[in-house]
PDB file of all heavy atoms in Angstrom:
ATOM      1  N   GLU A   1     101.963  90.038  95.588  1.00  0.00           N
ATOM      2  CA  GLU A   1     103.424  90.000  95.468  1.00  0.00           C
ATOM      3  C   GLU A   1     103.906  88.593  95.123  1.00  0.00           C
ATOM      4  O   GLU A   1     104.826  88.428  94.313  1.00  0.00           O
ATOM      5  CB  GLU A   1     104.064  90.479  96.764  1.00  0.00           C
ATOM      6  CG  GLU A   1     103.837  91.956  97.031  1.00  0.00           C
ATOM      7  CD  GLU A   1     104.313  92.397  98.410  1.00  0.00           C
ATOM      8  OE1 GLU A   1     104.856  91.558  99.164  1.00  0.00           O
ATOM      9  OE2 GLU A   1     104.127  93.583  98.729  1.00  0.00           O
ATOM     10  N   ARG A   2     103.294  87.581  95.713  1.00  0.00           N
ATOM     11  CA  ARG A   2     103.678  86.188  95.451  1.00  0.00           C
ATOM     12  C   ARG A   2     103.419  85.836  93.986  1.00  0.00           C
ATOM     13  O   ARG A   2     104.270  85.263  93.305  1.00  0.00           O
ATOM     14  CB  ARG A   2     102.894  85.256  96.373  1.00  0.00           C
ATOM     15  CG  ARG A   2     103.216  83.779  96.213  1.00  0.00           C
ATOM     16  CD  ARG A   2     102.390  82.908  97.148  1.00  0.00           C
ATOM     17  NE  ARG A   2     100.952  83.093  97.003  1.00  0.00           N
ATOM     18  CZ  ARG A   2     100.201  82.581  96.015  1.00  0.00           C
ATOM     19  NH1 ARG A   2     100.767  81.866  95.063  1.00  0.00           N
ATOM     20  NH2 ARG A   2      98.898  82.774  95.981  1.00  0.00           N
ATOM     21  N   ILE A   3     102.250  86.221  93.487  1.00  0.00           N
ATOM     22  CA  ILE A   3     101.909  85.936  92.094  1.00  0.00           C
ATOM     23  C   ILE A   3     102.810  86.727  91.156  1.00  0.00           C
ATOM     24  O   ILE A   3     103.311  86.205  90.154  1.00  0.00           O
ATOM     25  CB  ILE A   3     100.424  86.255  91.826  1.00  0.00           C
ATOM     26  CG1 ILE A   3      99.533  85.273  92.608  1.00  0.00           C
ATOM     27  CG2 ILE A   3     100.103  86.204  90.344  1.00  0.00           C
ATOM     28  CD1 ILE A   3      98.058  85.638  92.603  1.00  0.00           C
ATOM     29  N   PHE A   4     103.038  87.994  91.474  1.00  0.00           N
ATOM     30  CA  PHE A   4     103.878  88.854  90.646  1.00  0.00           C
ATOM     31  C   PHE A   4     105.292  88.266  90.520  1.00  0.00           C
ATOM     32  O   PHE A   4     105.885  88.273  89.432  1.00  0.00           O
ATOM     33  CB  PHE A   4     103.942  90.260  91.249  1.00  0.00           C
ATOM     34  CG  PHE A   4     104.650  91.260  90.396  1.00  0.00           C
ATOM     35  CD1 PHE A   4     104.017  91.836  89.306  1.00  0.00           C
ATOM     36  CD2 PHE A   4     105.953  91.633  90.676  1.00  0.00           C
ATOM     37  CE1 PHE A   4     104.669  92.770  88.511  1.00  0.00           C
ATOM     38  CE2 PHE A   4     106.619  92.555  89.891  1.00  0.00           C
ATOM     39  CZ  PHE A   4     105.974  93.130  88.807  1.00  0.00           C
ATOM     40  N   ALA A   5     105.824  87.745  91.599  1.00  0.00           N
ATOM     41  CA  ALA A   5     107.174  87.180  91.594  1.00  0.00           C
ATOM     42  C   ALA A   5     107.292  85.977  90.665  1.00  0.00           C
ATOM     43  O   ALA A   5     108.371  85.715  90.119  1.00  0.00           O
ATOM     44  CB  ALA A   5     107.580  86.793  93.012  1.00  0.00           C
ATOM     45  N   LYS A   6     106.197  85.255  90.453  1.00  0.00           N
ATOM     46  CA  LYS A   6     106.220  84.060  89.611  1.00  0.00           C
ATOM     47  C   LYS A   6     106.090  84.379  88.120  1.00  0.00           C
ATOM     48  O   LYS A   6     106.332  83.515  87.283  1.00  0.00           O
ATOM     49  CB  LYS A   6     105.082  83.117  90.007  1.00  0.00           C
ATOM     50  CG  LYS A   6     105.248  82.493  91.370  1.00  0.00           C
ATOM     51  CD  LYS A   6     104.069  81.586  91.668  1.00  0.00           C
ATOM     52  CE  LYS A   6     104.191  80.947  93.030  1.00  0.00           C
ATOM     53  NZ  LYS A   6     103.056  80.057  93.320  1.00  0.00           N
ATOM     54  N   LEU A   7     105.715  85.601  87.778  1.00  0.00           N
ATOM     55  CA  LEU A   7     105.480  85.946  86.380  1.00  0.00           C
ATOM     56  C   LEU A   7     106.791  86.161  85.619  1.00  0.00           C
ATOM     57  O   LEU A   7     107.772  86.632  86.187  1.00  0.00           O
ATOM     58  CB  LEU A   7     104.647  87.233  86.288  1.00  0.00           C
ATOM     59  CG  LEU A   7     103.204  87.153  86.773  1.00  0.00           C
ATOM     60  CD1 LEU A   7     102.588  88.546  86.776  1.00  0.00           C
ATOM     61  CD2 LEU A   7     102.395  86.226  85.887  1.00  0.00           C
ATOM     62  N   PRO A   8     106.780  85.872  84.316  1.00  0.00           N
ATOM     63  CA  PRO A   8     107.948  86.182  83.492  1.00  0.00           C
ATOM     64  C   PRO A   8     108.035  87.708  83.302  1.00  0.00           C
ATOM     65  O   PRO A   8     107.040  88.428  83.483  1.00  0.00           O
ATOM     66  CB  PRO A   8     107.660  85.476  82.163  1.00  0.00           C
ATOM     67  CG  PRO A   8     106.195  85.235  82.145  1.00  0.00           C
ATOM     68  CD  PRO A   8     105.752  85.141  83.560  1.00  0.00           C
ATOM     69  N   PRO A   9     109.201  88.225  82.945  1.00  0.00           N
ATOM     70  CA  PRO A   9     109.400  89.685  82.840  1.00  0.00           C
ATOM     71  C   PRO A   9     108.383  90.401  81.946  1.00  0.00           C
ATOM     72  O   PRO A   9     107.900  91.474  82.304  1.00  0.00           O
ATOM     73  CB  PRO A   9     110.810  89.809  82.273  1.00  0.00           C
ATOM     74  CG  PRO A   9     111.491  88.556  82.673  1.00  0.00           C
ATOM     75  CD  PRO A   9     110.443  87.494  82.689  1.00  0.00           C
ATOM     76  N   GLU A  10     108.038  89.820  80.801  1.00  0.00           N
ATOM     77  CA  GLU A  10     107.087  90.506  79.911  1.00  0.00           C
ATOM     78  C   GLU A  10     105.689  90.592  80.533  1.00  0.00           C
ATOM     79  O   GLU A  10     104.975  91.572  80.350  1.00  0.00           O
ATOM     80  CB  GLU A  10     107.029  89.848  78.522  1.00  0.00           C
ATOM     81  CG  GLU A  10     106.564  88.403  78.495  1.00  0.00           C
ATOM     82  CD  GLU A  10     107.679  87.378  78.755  1.00  0.00           C
ATOM     83  OE1 GLU A  10     108.825  87.757  78.991  1.00  0.00           O
ATOM     84  OE2 GLU A  10     107.361  86.186  78.707  1.00  0.00           O
ATOM     85  N   ALA A  11     105.296  89.563  81.295  1.00  0.00           N
ATOM     86  CA  ALA A  11     104.000  89.583  81.975  1.00  0.00           C
ATOM     87  C   ALA A  11     104.017  90.593  83.128  1.00  0.00           C
ATOM     88  O   ALA A  11     103.009  91.253  83.389  1.00  0.00           O
ATOM     89  CB  ALA A  11     103.645  88.194  82.480  1.00  0.00           C
ATOM     90  N   LYS A  12     105.167  90.727  83.789  1.00  0.00           N
ATOM     91  CA  LYS A  12     105.285  91.728  84.857  1.00  0.00           C
ATOM     92  C   LYS A  12     105.099  93.132  84.293  1.00  0.00           C
ATOM     93  O   LYS A  12     104.413  93.967  84.883  1.00  0.00           O
ATOM     94  CB  LYS A  12     106.644  91.621  85.545  1.00  0.00           C
ATOM     95  CG  LYS A  12     106.786  90.413  86.433  1.00  0.00           C
ATOM     96  CD  LYS A  12     108.166  90.366  87.075  1.00  0.00           C
ATOM     97  CE  LYS A  12     108.308  89.132  87.934  1.00  0.00           C
ATOM     98  NZ  LYS A  12     109.637  89.035  88.544  1.00  0.00           N
ATOM     99  N   ARG A  13     105.718  93.396  83.132  1.00  0.00           N
ATOM    100  CA  ARG A  13     105.583  94.722  82.506  1.00  0.00           C
ATOM    101  C   ARG A  13     104.122  94.986  82.128  1.00  0.00           C
ATOM    102  O   ARG A  13     103.599  96.072  82.329  1.00  0.00           O
ATOM    103  CB  ARG A  13     106.483  94.789  81.261  1.00  0.00           C
ATOM    104  CG  ARG A  13     106.489  96.118  80.557  1.00  0.00           C
ATOM    105  CD  ARG A  13     107.187  97.169  81.397  1.00  0.00           C
ATOM    106  NE  ARG A  13     106.214  98.201  81.747  1.00  0.00           N
ATOM    107  CZ  ARG A  13     106.328  99.058  82.754  1.00  0.00           C
ATOM    108  NH1 ARG A  13     107.379  99.026  83.524  1.00  0.00           N
ATOM    109  NH2 ARG A  13     105.414  99.948  82.997  1.00  0.00           N
ATOM    110  N   GLU A  14     103.462  93.958  81.589  1.00  0.00           N
ATOM    111  CA  GLU A  14     102.059  94.094  81.197  1.00  0.00           C
ATOM    112  C   GLU A  14     101.172  94.361  82.417  1.00  0.00           C
ATOM    113  O   GLU A  14     100.272  95.203  82.376  1.00  0.00           O
ATOM    114  CB  GLU A  14     101.605  92.820  80.485  1.00  0.00           C
ATOM    115  CG  GLU A  14     100.234  92.913  79.866  1.00  0.00           C
ATOM    116  CD  GLU A  14      99.889  91.662  79.065  1.00  0.00           C
ATOM    117  OE1 GLU A  14     100.793  90.900  78.675  1.00  0.00           O
ATOM    118  OE2 GLU A  14      98.680  91.464  78.837  1.00  0.00           O
ATOM    119  N   LEU A  15     101.458  93.647  83.511  1.00  0.00           N
ATOM    120  CA  LEU A  15     100.686  93.843  84.733  1.00  0.00           C
ATOM    121  C   LEU A  15     100.914  95.246  85.299  1.00  0.00           C
ATOM    122  O   LEU A  15      99.971  95.905  85.744  1.00  0.00           O
ATOM    123  CB  LEU A  15     101.057  92.778  85.774  1.00  0.00           C
ATOM    124  CG  LEU A  15     100.275  92.810  87.076  1.00  0.00           C
ATOM    125  CD1 LEU A  15      98.779  92.660  86.813  1.00  0.00           C
ATOM    126  CD2 LEU A  15     100.759  91.721  88.011  1.00  0.00           C
ATOM    127  N   LEU A  16     102.142  95.729  85.254  1.00  0.00           N
ATOM    128  CA  LEU A  16     102.422  97.084  85.721  1.00  0.00           C
ATOM    129  C   LEU A  16     101.722  98.134  84.857  1.00  0.00           C
ATOM    130  O   LEU A  16     101.193  99.125  85.369  1.00  0.00           O
ATOM    131  CB  LEU A  16     103.925  97.334  85.757  1.00  0.00           C
ATOM    132  CG  LEU A  16     104.683  96.640  86.882  1.00  0.00           C
ATOM    133  CD1 LEU A  16     106.183  96.850  86.717  1.00  0.00           C
ATOM    134  CD2 LEU A  16     104.225  97.148  88.234  1.00  0.00           C
ATOM    135  N   ASP A  17     101.711  97.916  83.548  1.00  0.00           N
ATOM    136  CA  ASP A  17     101.003  98.832  82.648  1.00  0.00           C
ATOM    137  C   ASP A  17      99.519  98.880  82.987  1.00  0.00           C
ATOM    138  O   ASP A  17      98.910  99.951  83.031  1.00  0.00           O
ATOM    139  CB  ASP A  17     101.179  98.414  81.184  1.00  0.00           C
ATOM    140  CG  ASP A  17     102.569  98.697  80.659  1.00  0.00           C
ATOM    141  OD1 ASP A  17     103.298  99.490  81.280  1.00  0.00           O
ATOM    142  OD2 ASP A  17     102.922  98.118  79.609  1.00  0.00           O
ATOM    143  N   TYR A  18      98.948  97.718  83.235  1.00  0.00           N
ATOM    144  CA  TYR A  18      97.526  97.662  83.565  1.00  0.00           C
ATOM    145  C   TYR A  18      97.258  98.331  84.913  1.00  0.00           C
ATOM    146  O   TYR A  18      96.274  99.063  85.068  1.00  0.00           O
ATOM    147  CB  TYR A  18      97.030  96.213  83.569  1.00  0.00           C
ATOM    148  CG  TYR A  18      95.552  96.105  83.800  1.00  0.00           C
ATOM    149  CD1 TYR A  18      94.650  96.623  82.882  1.00  0.00           C
ATOM    150  CD2 TYR A  18      95.050  95.508  84.947  1.00  0.00           C
ATOM    151  CE1 TYR A  18      93.285  96.549  83.086  1.00  0.00           C
ATOM    152  CE2 TYR A  18      93.685  95.419  85.167  1.00  0.00           C
ATOM    153  CZ  TYR A  18      92.800  95.943  84.241  1.00  0.00           C
ATOM    154  OH  TYR A  18      91.460  95.870  84.463  1.00  0.00           O
ATOM    155  N   ALA A  19      98.159  98.118  85.874  1.00  0.00           N
ATOM    156  CA  ALA A  19      98.000  98.747  87.184  1.00  0.00           C
ATOM    157  C   ALA A  19      98.068 100.271  87.060  1.00  0.00           C
ATOM    158  O   ALA A  19      97.311 100.998  87.705  1.00  0.00           O
ATOM    159  CB  ALA A  19      99.062  98.235  88.146  1.00  0.00           C
ATOM    160  N   GLU A  20      98.947 100.778  86.201  1.00  0.00           N
ATOM    161  CA  GLU A  20      99.038 102.222  85.975  1.00  0.00           C
ATOM    162  C   GLU A  20      97.762 102.749  85.320  1.00  0.00           C
ATOM    163  O   GLU A  20      97.284 103.829  85.657  1.00  0.00           O
ATOM    164  CB  GLU A  20     100.256 102.549  85.118  1.00  0.00           C
ATOM    165  CG  GLU A  20     101.564 102.383  85.870  1.00  0.00           C
ATOM    166  CD  GLU A  20     102.785 102.545  84.984  1.00  0.00           C
ATOM    167  OE1 GLU A  20     102.629 102.776  83.763  1.00  0.00           O
ATOM    168  OE2 GLU A  20     103.898 102.439  85.515  1.00  0.00           O
ATOM    169  N   PHE A  21      97.209 101.978  84.402  1.00  0.00           N
ATOM    170  CA  PHE A  21      95.941 102.350  83.779  1.00  0.00           C
ATOM    171  C   PHE A  21      94.833 102.445  84.831  1.00  0.00           C
ATOM    172  O   PHE A  21      94.070 103.415  84.866  1.00  0.00           O
ATOM    173  CB  PHE A  21      95.562 101.322  82.699  1.00  0.00           C
ATOM    174  CG  PHE A  21      94.117 101.388  82.284  1.00  0.00           C
ATOM    175  CD1 PHE A  21      93.668 102.402  81.451  1.00  0.00           C
ATOM    176  CD2 PHE A  21      93.215 100.445  82.742  1.00  0.00           C
ATOM    177  CE1 PHE A  21      92.334 102.467  81.062  1.00  0.00           C
ATOM    178  CE2 PHE A  21      91.886 100.509  82.366  1.00  0.00           C
ATOM    179  CZ  PHE A  21      91.442 101.519  81.529  1.00  0.00           C
ATOM    180  N   LEU A  22      94.756 101.445  85.705  1.00  0.00           N
ATOM    181  CA  LEU A  22      93.739 101.455  86.755  1.00  0.00           C
ATOM    182  C   LEU A  22      93.941 102.623  87.710  1.00  0.00           C
ATOM    183  O   LEU A  22      92.974 103.235  88.176  1.00  0.00           O
ATOM    184  CB  LEU A  22      93.748 100.132  87.525  1.00  0.00           C
ATOM    185  CG  LEU A  22      93.248  98.913  86.759  1.00  0.00           C
ATOM    186  CD1 LEU A  22      93.406  97.661  87.611  1.00  0.00           C
ATOM    187  CD2 LEU A  22      91.805  99.095  86.334  1.00  0.00           C
ATOM    188  N   LEU A  23      95.181 102.949  87.990  1.00  0.00           N
ATOM    189  CA  LEU A  23      95.475 104.079  88.864  1.00  0.00           C
ATOM    190  C   LEU A  23      95.002 105.386  88.239  1.00  0.00           C
ATOM    191  O   LEU A  23      94.427 106.233  88.917  1.00  0.00           O
ATOM    192  CB  LEU A  23      96.972 104.138  89.156  1.00  0.00           C
ATOM    193  CG  LEU A  23      97.411 105.125  90.220  1.00  0.00           C
ATOM    194  CD1 LEU A  23      96.728 104.827  91.545  1.00  0.00           C
ATOM    195  CD2 LEU A  23      98.914 105.066  90.384  1.00  0.00           C
ATOM    196  N   GLN A  24      95.210 105.528  86.935  1.00  0.00           N
ATOM    197  CA  GLN A  24      94.719 106.723  86.249  1.00  0.00           C
ATOM    198  C   GLN A  24      93.190 106.764  86.256  1.00  0.00           C
ATOM    199  O   GLN A  24      92.589 107.817  86.417  1.00  0.00           O
ATOM    200  CB  GLN A  24      95.211 106.767  84.809  1.00  0.00           C
ATOM    201  CG  GLN A  24      96.658 107.139  84.673  1.00  0.00           C
ATOM    202  CD  GLN A  24      97.090 107.154  83.217  1.00  0.00           C
ATOM    203  OE1 GLN A  24      96.397 106.674  82.332  1.00  0.00           O
ATOM    204  NE2 GLN A  24      98.260 107.706  82.972  1.00  0.00           N
ATOM    205  N   LYS A  25      92.589 105.612  86.089  1.00  0.00           N
ATOM    206  CA  LYS A  25      91.133 105.548  86.009  1.00  0.00           C
ATOM    207  C   LYS A  25      90.474 105.792  87.369  1.00  0.00           C
ATOM    208  O   LYS A  25      89.491 106.503  87.464  1.00  0.00           O
ATOM    209  CB  LYS A  25      90.714 104.182  85.467  1.00  0.00           C
ATOM    210  CG  LYS A  25      89.224 104.031  85.267  1.00  0.00           C
ATOM    211  CD  LYS A  25      88.895 102.707  84.620  1.00  0.00           C
ATOM    212  CE  LYS A  25      87.398 102.554  84.424  1.00  0.00           C
ATOM    213  NZ  LYS A  25      87.054 101.271  83.838  1.00  0.00           N
ATOM    214  N   TYR A  26      91.011 105.198  88.412  1.00  0.00           N
ATOM    215  CA  TYR A  26      90.369 105.250  89.723  1.00  0.00           C
ATOM    216  C   TYR A  26      91.141 106.047  90.774  1.00  0.00           C
ATOM    217  O   TYR A  26      90.596 106.367  91.819  1.00  0.00           O
ATOM    218  CB  TYR A  26      90.167 103.835  90.276  1.00  0.00           C
ATOM    219  CG  TYR A  26      89.256 102.989  89.442  1.00  0.00           C
ATOM    220  CD1 TYR A  26      89.763 101.962  88.656  1.00  0.00           C
ATOM    221  CD2 TYR A  26      87.893 103.214  89.430  1.00  0.00           C
ATOM    222  CE1 TYR A  26      88.930 101.177  87.882  1.00  0.00           C
ATOM    223  CE2 TYR A  26      87.048 102.430  88.665  1.00  0.00           C
ATOM    224  CZ  TYR A  26      87.578 101.405  87.900  1.00  0.00           C
ATOM    225  OH  TYR A  26      86.753 100.631  87.137  1.00  0.00           O
ATOM    226  N   GLY A  27      92.394 106.349  90.497  1.00  0.00           N
ATOM    227  CA  GLY A  27      93.251 106.949  91.512  1.00  0.00           C
ATOM    228  C   GLY A  27      92.812 108.310  91.998  1.00  0.00           C
ATOM    229  O   GLY A  27      92.516 108.499  93.167  1.00  0.00           O
ATOM    230  N   LYS A  28      92.752 109.265  91.103  1.00  0.00           N
ATOM    231  CA  LYS A  28      92.415 110.630  91.503  1.00  0.00           C
ATOM    232  C   LYS A  28      91.028 110.969  90.986  1.00  0.00           C
ATOM    233  O   LYS A  28      90.870 111.474  89.884  1.00  0.00           O
ATOM    234  CB  LYS A  28      93.431 111.613  90.939  1.00  0.00           C
ATOM    235  CG  LYS A  28      94.793 111.473  91.528  1.00  0.00           C
ATOM    236  CD  LYS A  28      95.728 112.526  90.959  1.00  0.00           C
ATOM    237  CE  LYS A  28      97.117 112.379  91.527  1.00  0.00           C
ATOM    238  NZ  LYS A  28      98.031 113.368  90.955  1.00  0.00           N
ATOM    239  N   ARG A  29      90.057 110.688  91.777  1.00  0.00           N
ATOM    240  CA  ARG A  29      88.691 111.028  91.393  1.00  0.00           C
ATOM    241  C   ARG A  29      88.384 112.423  91.908  1.00  0.00           C
ATOM    242  O   ARG A  29      88.403 112.672  93.102  1.00  0.00           O
ATOM    243  CB  ARG A  29      87.705 110.037  91.991  1.00  0.00           C
ATOM    244  CG  ARG A  29      87.812 108.676  91.365  1.00  0.00           C
ATOM    245  CD  ARG A  29      86.503 108.335  90.813  1.00  0.00           C
ATOM    246  NE  ARG A  29      86.653 107.233  89.886  1.00  0.00           N
ATOM    247  CZ  ARG A  29      85.631 106.652  89.356  1.00  0.00           C
ATOM    248  NH1 ARG A  29      84.427 107.034  89.648  1.00  0.00           N
ATOM    249  NH2 ARG A  29      85.799 105.682  88.495  1.00  0.00           N
ATOM    250  N   GLU A  30      88.139 113.304  90.979  1.00  0.00           N
ATOM    251  CA  GLU A  30      87.815 114.680  91.334  1.00  0.00           C
ATOM    252  C   GLU A  30      86.342 114.752  91.705  1.00  0.00           C
ATOM    253  O   GLU A  30      85.478 114.294  90.965  1.00  0.00           O
ATOM    254  CB  GLU A  30      88.095 115.594  90.145  1.00  0.00           C
ATOM    255  CG  GLU A  30      87.877 117.045  90.436  1.00  0.00           C
ATOM    256  CD  GLU A  30      88.177 117.905  89.229  1.00  0.00           C
ATOM    257  OE1 GLU A  30      89.169 117.632  88.536  1.00  0.00           O
ATOM    258  OE2 GLU A  30      87.389 118.830  88.975  1.00  0.00           O
ATOM    259  N   VAL A  31      86.082 115.317  92.868  1.00  0.00           N
ATOM    260  CA  VAL A  31      84.702 115.487  93.291  1.00  0.00           C
ATOM    261  C   VAL A  31      84.184 116.766  92.658  1.00  0.00           C
ATOM    262  O   VAL A  31      84.701 117.847  92.898  1.00  0.00           O
ATOM    263  CB  VAL A  31      84.596 115.568  94.831  1.00  0.00           C
ATOM    264  CG1 VAL A  31      83.165 115.813  95.253  1.00  0.00           C
ATOM    265  CG2 VAL A  31      85.154 114.307  95.461  1.00  0.00           C
ATOM    266  N   ARG A  32      83.215 116.596  91.823  1.00  0.00           N
ATOM    267  CA  ARG A  32      82.640 117.744  91.131  1.00  0.00           C
ATOM    268  C   ARG A  32      81.284 118.061  91.731  1.00  0.00           C
ATOM    269  O   ARG A  32      80.438 117.198  91.853  1.00  0.00           O
ATOM    270  CB  ARG A  32      82.467 117.451  89.645  1.00  0.00           C
ATOM    271  CG  ARG A  32      83.758 117.220  88.930  1.00  0.00           C
ATOM    272  CD  ARG A  32      83.472 117.021  87.457  1.00  0.00           C
ATOM    273  NE  ARG A  32      84.556 116.257  86.862  1.00  0.00           N
ATOM    274  CZ  ARG A  32      84.468 115.623  85.726  1.00  0.00           C
ATOM    275  NH1 ARG A  32      83.353 115.638  85.048  1.00  0.00           N
ATOM    276  NH2 ARG A  32      85.487 114.957  85.249  1.00  0.00           N
ATOM    277  N   GLY A  33      81.100 119.288  92.059  1.00  0.00           N
ATOM    278  CA  GLY A  33      79.802 119.727  92.545  1.00  0.00           C
ATOM    279  C   GLY A  33      79.069 120.449  91.438  1.00  0.00           C
ATOM    280  O   GLY A  33      79.610 120.680  90.357  1.00  0.00           O
ATOM    281  N   PHE A  34      77.856 120.773  91.708  1.00  0.00           N
ATOM    282  CA  PHE A  34      77.080 121.517  90.735  1.00  0.00           C
ATOM    283  C   PHE A  34      77.547 122.965  90.724  1.00  0.00           C
ATOM    284  O   PHE A  34      77.865 123.534  91.760  1.00  0.00           O
ATOM    285  CB  PHE A  34      75.590 121.462  91.072  1.00  0.00           C
ATOM    286  CG  PHE A  34      74.987 120.112  90.868  1.00  0.00           C
ATOM    287  CD1 PHE A  34      74.672 119.312  91.946  1.00  0.00           C
ATOM    288  CD2 PHE A  34      74.740 119.640  89.591  1.00  0.00           C
ATOM    289  CE1 PHE A  34      74.121 118.060  91.757  1.00  0.00           C
ATOM    290  CE2 PHE A  34      74.189 118.403  89.386  1.00  0.00           C
ATOM    291  CZ  PHE A  34      73.884 117.605  90.479  1.00  0.00           C
ATOM    292  N   LYS A  35      77.569 123.543  89.557  1.00  0.00           N
ATOM    293  CA  LYS A  35      77.893 124.955  89.429  1.00  0.00           C
ATOM    294  C   LYS A  35      76.597 125.679  89.106  1.00  0.00           C
ATOM    295  O   LYS A  35      75.938 125.366  88.130  1.00  0.00           O
ATOM    296  CB  LYS A  35      78.912 125.178  88.318  1.00  0.00           C
ATOM    297  CG  LYS A  35      80.248 124.557  88.624  1.00  0.00           C
ATOM    298  CD  LYS A  35      81.229 124.802  87.511  1.00  0.00           C
ATOM    299  CE  LYS A  35      82.540 124.139  87.828  1.00  0.00           C
ATOM    300  NZ  LYS A  35      83.505 124.286  86.761  1.00  0.00           N
ATOM    301  N   PHE A  36      76.252 126.617  89.939  1.00  0.00           N
ATOM    302  CA  PHE A  36      75.006 127.342  89.754  1.00  0.00           C
ATOM    303  C   PHE A  36      75.278 128.676  89.060  1.00  0.00           C
ATOM    304  O   PHE A  36      74.929 129.743  89.560  1.00  0.00           O
ATOM    305  CB  PHE A  36      74.321 127.544  91.104  1.00  0.00           C
ATOM    306  CG  PHE A  36      73.864 126.249  91.725  1.00  0.00           C
ATOM    307  CD1 PHE A  36      74.620 125.613  92.694  1.00  0.00           C
ATOM    308  CD2 PHE A  36      72.690 125.655  91.306  1.00  0.00           C
ATOM    309  CE1 PHE A  36      74.211 124.424  93.249  1.00  0.00           C
ATOM    310  CE2 PHE A  36      72.268 124.456  91.854  1.00  0.00           C
ATOM    311  CZ  PHE A  36      73.031 123.834  92.830  1.00  0.00           C
ATOM    312  N   THR A  37      75.872 128.601  87.874  1.00  0.00           N
ATOM    313  CA  THR A  37      76.204 129.808  87.132  1.00  0.00           C
ATOM    314  C   THR A  37      74.957 130.517  86.622  1.00  0.00           C
ATOM    315  O   THR A  37      75.013 131.687  86.289  1.00  0.00           O
ATOM    316  CB  THR A  37      77.123 129.488  85.947  1.00  0.00           C
ATOM    317  OG1 THR A  37      76.480 128.517  85.123  1.00  0.00           O
ATOM    318  CG2 THR A  37      78.461 128.948  86.417  1.00  0.00           C
ATOM    319  N   TRP A  38      73.852 129.803  86.574  1.00  0.00           N
ATOM    320  CA  TRP A  38      72.602 130.376  86.092  1.00  0.00           C
ATOM    321  C   TRP A  38      71.858 131.106  87.204  1.00  0.00           C
ATOM    322  O   TRP A  38      70.895 131.816  86.946  1.00  0.00           O
ATOM    323  CB  TRP A  38      71.701 129.275  85.545  1.00  0.00           C
ATOM    324  CG  TRP A  38      71.562 128.132  86.518  1.00  0.00           C
ATOM    325  CD1 TRP A  38      72.315 127.004  86.548  1.00  0.00           C
ATOM    326  CD2 TRP A  38      70.662 128.027  87.614  1.00  0.00           C
ATOM    327  NE1 TRP A  38      71.934 126.196  87.592  1.00  0.00           N
ATOM    328  CE2 TRP A  38      70.916 126.808  88.269  1.00  0.00           C
ATOM    329  CE3 TRP A  38      69.663 128.835  88.122  1.00  0.00           C
ATOM    330  CZ2 TRP A  38      70.211 126.385  89.391  1.00  0.00           C
ATOM    331  CZ3 TRP A  38      68.967 128.414  89.244  1.00  0.00           C
ATOM    332  CH2 TRP A  38      69.240 127.196  89.859  1.00  0.00           C
ATOM    333  N   GLU A  39      72.314 130.947  88.442  1.00  0.00           N
ATOM    334  CA  GLU A  39      71.596 131.507  89.586  1.00  0.00           C
ATOM    335  C   GLU A  39      71.423 133.023  89.447  1.00  0.00           C
ATOM    336  O   GLU A  39      72.370 133.753  89.177  1.00  0.00           O
ATOM    337  CB  GLU A  39      72.358 131.190  90.871  1.00  0.00           C
ATOM    338  CG  GLU A  39      71.611 131.552  92.130  1.00  0.00           C
ATOM    339  CD  GLU A  39      72.348 131.101  93.376  1.00  0.00           C
ATOM    340  OE1 GLU A  39      73.548 130.767  93.290  1.00  0.00           O
ATOM    341  OE2 GLU A  39      71.719 131.096  94.434  1.00  0.00           O
ATOM    342  N   GLY A  40      70.206 133.476  89.600  1.00  0.00           N
ATOM    343  CA  GLY A  40      69.889 134.896  89.533  1.00  0.00           C
ATOM    344  C   GLY A  40      69.674 135.433  88.134  1.00  0.00           C
ATOM    345  O   GLY A  40      69.341 136.602  87.964  1.00  0.00           O
ATOM    346  N   LYS A  41      69.847 134.615  87.122  1.00  0.00           N
ATOM    347  CA  LYS A  41      69.726 135.087  85.734  1.00  0.00           C
ATOM    348  C   LYS A  41      68.283 135.399  85.339  1.00  0.00           C
ATOM    349  O   LYS A  41      68.052 136.146  84.407  1.00  0.00           O
ATOM    350  CB  LYS A  41      70.290 134.055  84.748  1.00  0.00           C
ATOM    351  CG  LYS A  41      71.732 133.708  84.988  1.00  0.00           C
ATOM    352  CD  LYS A  41      72.644 134.841  84.623  1.00  0.00           C
ATOM    353  CE  LYS A  41      74.076 134.355  84.706  1.00  0.00           C
ATOM    354  NZ  LYS A  41      75.037 135.326  84.977  1.00  0.00           N
ATOM    355  N   LEU A  42      67.322 134.824  86.044  1.00  0.00           N
ATOM    356  CA  LEU A  42      65.915 135.041  85.694  1.00  0.00           C
ATOM    357  C   LEU A  42      65.218 135.962  86.691  1.00  0.00           C
ATOM    358  O   LEU A  42      64.003 135.944  86.813  1.00  0.00           O
ATOM    359  CB  LEU A  42      65.186 133.692  85.623  1.00  0.00           C
ATOM    360  CG  LEU A  42      65.681 132.727  84.552  1.00  0.00           C
ATOM    361  CD1 LEU A  42      64.954 131.394  84.656  1.00  0.00           C
ATOM    362  CD2 LEU A  42      65.486 133.329  83.171  1.00  0.00           C
ATOM    363  N   LYS A  43      65.988 136.763  87.396  1.00  0.00           N
ATOM    364  CA  LYS A  43      65.383 137.616  88.424  1.00  0.00           C
ATOM    365  C   LYS A  43      64.430 138.651  87.840  1.00  0.00           C
ATOM    366  O   LYS A  43      63.536 139.122  88.523  1.00  0.00           O
ATOM    367  CB  LYS A  43      66.460 138.287  89.264  1.00  0.00           C
ATOM    368  CG  LYS A  43      67.341 139.251  88.501  1.00  0.00           C
ATOM    369  CD  LYS A  43      68.425 139.796  89.383  1.00  0.00           C
ATOM    370  CE  LYS A  43      69.375 140.624  88.510  1.00  0.00           C
ATOM    371  NZ  LYS A  43      70.599 140.916  89.194  1.00  0.00           N
ATOM    372  N   ASP A  44      64.600 139.003  86.570  1.00  0.00           N
ATOM    373  CA  ASP A  44      63.726 140.005  85.941  1.00  0.00           C
ATOM    374  C   ASP A  44      62.476 139.392  85.311  1.00  0.00           C
ATOM    375  O   ASP A  44      61.610 140.125  84.841  1.00  0.00           O
ATOM    376  CB  ASP A  44      64.503 140.785  84.870  1.00  0.00           C
ATOM    377  CG  ASP A  44      65.642 141.588  85.477  1.00  0.00           C
ATOM    378  OD1 ASP A  44      65.513 142.004  86.644  1.00  0.00           O
ATOM    379  OD2 ASP A  44      66.651 141.787  84.776  1.00  0.00           O
TER     380      ASP A  44
END
């Protein structure tokens, strides 16, 4: 917050844009498990 307050307006906008990018990249990480759609297909 201290550093952000010292920045000029255009740098603040750039920093906010980058923070939003990082939030999209790391914010909502979907936990994906394995899907065993092939299970039982070779029973014959």
